[in-house]
Amino acid sequence: MDINKAFGKALKAFRLANGLTQEDFAEVSSRTYISSLERGLKSPTIEKVNEIAGDMGICPLSLMILTYAYFNEVDTMHVIKKAESQLKNTYY
């Protein structure tokens, strides 16, 4: 799966899980832009990911973890464990 499509799928999953419509993002984006993201037609900036996640009341990392789970066709715990290992080797 294309990374933009994976992001769109993750965005839509979180949006629906939170009972939100595309119109509910009017403060940060137009409905058309959210629709384009969900269809994988556009790639958001990190700033836009942060704004969209904030509107949903979630951590931007949650959105990205689900994106990479879809992209790599693995479960979210696999992505989390891989990131945790890499962070320990880099940050700690």
N, C-alpha and C. Protein backbone atom coordinates (compact mmCIF):
# COMPACT_ATOMS: atom_id res chain seq x y z
N MET A 1 0.84 -1.18 0.00
CA MET A 1 0.00 0.00 0.00
C MET A 1 0.89 1.25 0.00
N ASP A 2 0.51 2.21 -0.76
CA ASP A 2 1.19 3.50 -0.84
C ASP A 2 1.11 4.20 0.52
N ILE A 3 2.16 4.92 0.90
CA ILE A 3 2.21 5.58 2.21
C ILE A 3 1.11 6.62 2.36
N ASN A 4 0.78 7.35 1.30
CA ASN A 4 -0.29 8.34 1.39
C ASN A 4 -1.65 7.67 1.60
N LYS A 5 -1.86 6.55 0.94
CA LYS A 5 -3.11 5.80 1.14
C LYS A 5 -3.17 5.23 2.55
N ALA A 6 -2.03 4.77 3.07
CA ALA A 6 -1.98 4.26 4.44
C ALA A 6 -2.32 5.36 5.43
N PHE A 7 -1.76 6.57 5.21
CA PHE A 7 -2.09 7.70 6.09
C PHE A 7 -3.57 8.00 6.02
N GLY A 8 -4.11 8.03 4.81
CA GLY A 8 -5.53 8.32 4.64
C GLY A 8 -6.42 7.31 5.34
N LYS A 9 -6.04 6.05 5.25
CA LYS A 9 -6.81 4.99 5.92
C LYS A 9 -6.74 5.16 7.44
N ALA A 10 -5.57 5.49 7.96
CA ALA A 10 -5.40 5.71 9.40
C ALA A 10 -6.20 6.94 9.84
N LEU A 11 -6.12 8.01 9.09
CA LEU A 11 -6.86 9.23 9.41
C LEU A 11 -8.36 8.95 9.47
N LYS A 12 -8.85 8.25 8.47
CA LYS A 12 -10.29 7.95 8.42
C LYS A 12 -10.68 7.04 9.59
N ALA A 13 -9.85 6.07 9.91
CA ALA A 13 -10.15 5.17 11.03
C ALA A 13 -10.27 5.94 12.34
N PHE A 14 -9.32 6.83 12.61
CA PHE A 14 -9.38 7.63 13.83
C PHE A 14 -10.55 8.61 13.80
N ARG A 15 -10.80 9.20 12.65
CA ARG A 15 -11.91 10.16 12.53
C ARG A 15 -13.24 9.48 12.84
N LEU A 16 -13.45 8.32 12.23
CA LEU A 16 -14.70 7.60 12.45
C LEU A 16 -14.80 7.08 13.89
N ALA A 17 -13.69 6.59 14.43
CA ALA A 17 -13.69 6.09 15.80
C ALA A 17 -14.03 7.18 16.81
N ASN A 18 -13.72 8.42 16.44
CA ASN A 18 -14.01 9.56 17.31
C ASN A 18 -15.34 10.24 16.96
N GLY A 19 -16.09 9.63 16.04
CA GLY A 19 -17.40 10.16 15.68
C GLY A 19 -17.36 11.51 15.01
N LEU A 20 -16.31 11.76 14.24
CA LEU A 20 -16.14 13.05 13.57
C LEU A 20 -16.46 12.96 12.09
N THR A 21 -16.91 14.07 11.53
CA THR A 21 -17.10 14.17 10.09
C THR A 21 -15.93 14.96 9.51
N GLN A 22 -15.80 14.93 8.22
CA GLN A 22 -14.74 15.72 7.58
C GLN A 22 -14.95 17.20 7.84
N GLU A 23 -16.19 17.62 7.96
CA GLU A 23 -16.51 19.02 8.22
C GLU A 23 -16.05 19.46 9.61
N ASP A 24 -15.88 18.52 10.52
CA ASP A 24 -15.46 18.86 11.88
C ASP A 24 -14.03 19.40 11.95
N PHE A 25 -13.30 19.33 10.85
CA PHE A 25 -11.92 19.81 10.81
C PHE A 25 -11.81 21.22 10.22
N ALA A 26 -12.92 21.91 10.16
CA ALA A 26 -12.97 23.23 9.51
C ALA A 26 -11.97 24.23 10.09
N GLU A 27 -11.64 24.10 11.36
CA GLU A 27 -10.69 25.05 11.96
C GLU A 27 -9.27 24.87 11.43
N VAL A 28 -8.90 23.67 11.02
CA VAL A 28 -7.53 23.44 10.56
C VAL A 28 -7.44 23.14 9.07
N SER A 29 -8.53 22.67 8.46
CA SER A 29 -8.50 22.29 7.05
C SER A 29 -9.90 22.30 6.46
N SER A 30 -9.94 22.35 5.16
CA SER A 30 -11.23 22.25 4.49
C SER A 30 -11.65 20.79 4.38
N ARG A 31 -12.93 20.57 4.19
CA ARG A 31 -13.44 19.22 4.01
C ARG A 31 -12.79 18.58 2.78
N THR A 32 -12.56 19.37 1.75
CA THR A 32 -11.96 18.88 0.53
C THR A 32 -10.53 18.38 0.79
N TYR A 33 -9.78 19.11 1.60
CA TYR A 33 -8.41 18.70 1.92
C TYR A 33 -8.41 17.39 2.72
N ILE A 34 -9.29 17.29 3.72
CA ILE A 34 -9.38 16.07 4.52
C ILE A 34 -9.77 14.90 3.62
N SER A 35 -10.70 15.13 2.74
CA SER A 35 -11.12 14.09 1.79
C SER A 35 -9.95 13.66 0.91
N SER A 36 -9.17 14.61 0.44
CA SER A 36 -7.99 14.30 -0.39
C SER A 36 -6.96 13.50 0.39
N LEU A 37 -6.79 13.84 1.66
CA LEU A 37 -5.87 13.07 2.51
C LEU A 37 -6.37 11.64 2.67
N GLU A 38 -7.65 11.50 2.98
CA GLU A 38 -8.22 10.18 3.21
C GLU A 38 -8.18 9.30 1.97
N ARG A 39 -8.20 9.90 0.80
CA ARG A 39 -8.11 9.13 -0.45
C ARG A 39 -6.67 8.92 -0.90
N GLY A 40 -5.72 9.45 -0.13
CA GLY A 40 -4.31 9.26 -0.46
C GLY A 40 -3.82 10.12 -1.60
N LEU A 41 -4.55 11.19 -1.89
CA LEU A 41 -4.19 12.06 -3.02
C LEU A 41 -3.18 13.14 -2.62
N LYS A 42 -3.11 13.42 -1.33
CA LYS A 42 -2.19 14.45 -0.84
C LYS A 42 -1.39 13.91 0.33
N SER A 43 -0.25 14.56 0.57
CA SER A 43 0.62 14.20 1.68
C SER A 43 0.70 15.40 2.62
N PRO A 44 0.34 15.22 3.90
CA PRO A 44 0.34 16.35 4.82
C PRO A 44 1.73 16.69 5.34
N THR A 45 1.90 17.92 5.74
CA THR A 45 3.14 18.32 6.42
C THR A 45 3.07 17.82 7.86
N ILE A 46 4.19 17.81 8.53
CA ILE A 46 4.20 17.41 9.94
C ILE A 46 3.36 18.38 10.77
N GLU A 47 3.35 19.63 10.40
CA GLU A 47 2.52 20.61 11.10
C GLU A 47 1.04 20.28 10.95
N LYS A 48 0.65 19.88 9.73
CA LYS A 48 -0.75 19.54 9.49
C LYS A 48 -1.13 18.26 10.22
N VAL A 49 -0.24 17.29 10.27
CA VAL A 49 -0.49 16.06 11.04
C VAL A 49 -0.75 16.42 12.50
N ASN A 50 0.07 17.30 13.04
CA ASN A 50 -0.09 17.74 14.42
C ASN A 50 -1.43 18.43 14.64
N GLU A 51 -1.83 19.30 13.74
CA GLU A 51 -3.11 20.01 13.86
C GLU A 51 -4.30 19.05 13.77
N ILE A 52 -4.25 18.15 12.80
CA ILE A 52 -5.35 17.21 12.61
C ILE A 52 -5.48 16.28 13.82
N ALA A 53 -4.36 15.77 14.29
CA ALA A 53 -4.39 14.90 15.47
C ALA A 53 -4.94 15.66 16.67
N GLY A 54 -4.52 16.90 16.82
CA GLY A 54 -5.02 17.73 17.92
C GLY A 54 -6.52 17.90 17.86
N ASP A 55 -7.05 18.11 16.67
CA ASP A 55 -8.50 18.24 16.51
C ASP A 55 -9.24 16.96 16.91
N MET A 56 -8.57 15.82 16.73
CA MET A 56 -9.20 14.55 17.10
C MET A 56 -8.94 14.20 18.56
N GLY A 57 -8.07 14.97 19.21
CA GLY A 57 -7.75 14.69 20.60
C GLY A 57 -6.85 13.48 20.78
N ILE A 58 -6.01 13.23 19.76
CA ILE A 58 -5.09 12.10 19.84
C ILE A 58 -3.65 12.59 19.67
N CYS A 59 -2.72 11.76 20.06
CA CYS A 59 -1.30 12.05 19.87
C CYS A 59 -0.97 11.85 18.40
N PRO A 60 -0.22 12.76 17.78
CA PRO A 60 0.16 12.58 16.39
C PRO A 60 0.88 11.25 16.14
N LEU A 61 1.60 10.78 17.14
CA LEU A 61 2.30 9.49 16.99
C LEU A 61 1.32 8.34 16.80
N SER A 62 0.17 8.42 17.43
CA SER A 62 -0.83 7.37 17.26
C SER A 62 -1.27 7.29 15.80
N LEU A 63 -1.45 8.44 15.21
CA LEU A 63 -1.84 8.50 13.79
C LEU A 63 -0.73 7.93 12.91
N MET A 64 0.51 8.25 13.22
CA MET A 64 1.62 7.75 12.43
C MET A 64 1.87 6.26 12.66
N ILE A 65 1.67 5.79 13.89
CA ILE A 65 1.84 4.35 14.16
C ILE A 65 0.85 3.55 13.34
N LEU A 66 -0.41 3.99 13.34
CA LEU A 66 -1.40 3.27 12.55
C LEU A 66 -1.09 3.37 11.07
N THR A 67 -0.60 4.53 10.63
CA THR A 67 -0.20 4.68 9.23
C THR A 67 0.85 3.64 8.84
N TYR A 68 1.89 3.53 9.66
CA TYR A 68 2.97 2.59 9.33
C TYR A 68 2.55 1.14 9.51
N ALA A 69 1.60 0.87 10.38
CA ALA A 69 1.06 -0.49 10.49
C ALA A 69 0.34 -0.86 9.19
N TYR A 70 -0.48 0.05 8.67
CA TYR A 70 -1.14 -0.20 7.39
C TYR A 70 -0.13 -0.30 6.26
N PHE A 71 0.82 0.61 6.24
CA PHE A 71 1.83 0.65 5.18
C PHE A 71 2.65 -0.63 5.10
N ASN A 72 3.04 -1.15 6.26
CA ASN A 72 3.88 -2.36 6.31
C ASN A 72 3.08 -3.64 6.50
N GLU A 73 1.75 -3.49 6.60
CA GLU A 73 0.85 -4.63 6.78
C GLU A 73 1.24 -5.47 7.99
N VAL A 74 1.43 -4.77 9.11
CA VAL A 74 1.74 -5.41 10.40
C VAL A 74 0.81 -4.81 11.44
N ASP A 75 0.79 -5.41 12.63
CA ASP A 75 -0.05 -4.82 13.67
C ASP A 75 0.68 -3.66 14.34
N THR A 76 -0.08 -2.87 15.05
CA THR A 76 0.49 -1.66 15.64
C THR A 76 1.56 -1.97 16.68
N MET A 77 1.43 -3.09 17.40
CA MET A 77 2.43 -3.43 18.41
C MET A 77 3.79 -3.69 17.77
N HIS A 78 3.81 -4.23 16.57
CA HIS A 78 5.07 -4.44 15.86
C HIS A 78 5.75 -3.10 15.60
N VAL A 79 4.99 -2.12 15.16
CA VAL A 79 5.53 -0.78 14.88
C VAL A 79 6.02 -0.14 16.18
N ILE A 80 5.24 -0.27 17.24
CA ILE A 80 5.61 0.33 18.52
C ILE A 80 6.90 -0.30 19.06
N LYS A 81 7.00 -1.61 19.01
CA LYS A 81 8.19 -2.29 19.52
C LYS A 81 9.44 -1.93 18.72
N LYS A 82 9.28 -1.83 17.41
CA LYS A 82 10.41 -1.44 16.56
C LYS A 82 10.87 -0.02 16.90
N ALA A 83 9.91 0.88 17.04
CA ALA A 83 10.25 2.27 17.38
C ALA A 83 10.89 2.35 18.76
N GLU A 84 10.35 1.59 19.70
CA GLU A 84 10.91 1.59 21.05
C GLU A 84 12.37 1.13 21.04
N SER A 85 12.64 0.09 20.30
CA SER A 85 14.01 -0.43 20.20
C SER A 85 14.94 0.61 19.57
N GLN A 86 14.49 1.24 18.52
CA GLN A 86 15.32 2.24 17.84
C GLN A 86 15.54 3.46 18.73
N LEU A 87 14.53 3.84 19.48
CA LEU A 87 14.67 4.98 20.38
C LEU A 87 15.66 4.67 21.50
N LYS A 88 15.60 3.46 22.03
CA LYS A 88 16.55 3.08 23.10
C LYS A 88 17.97 3.14 22.60
N ASN A 89 18.18 2.75 21.35
CA ASN A 89 19.52 2.75 20.77
C ASN A 89 20.00 4.14 20.39
N THR A 90 19.08 5.07 20.27
CA THR A 90 19.41 6.42 19.83
C THR A 90 19.37 7.43 20.96
N TYR A 91 18.32 7.37 21.75
CA TYR A 91 18.05 8.42 22.73
C TYR A 91 18.64 8.14 24.10
N TYR A 92 18.53 6.92 24.57
CA TYR A 92 18.93 6.61 25.95
C TYR A 92 20.40 6.47 26.13
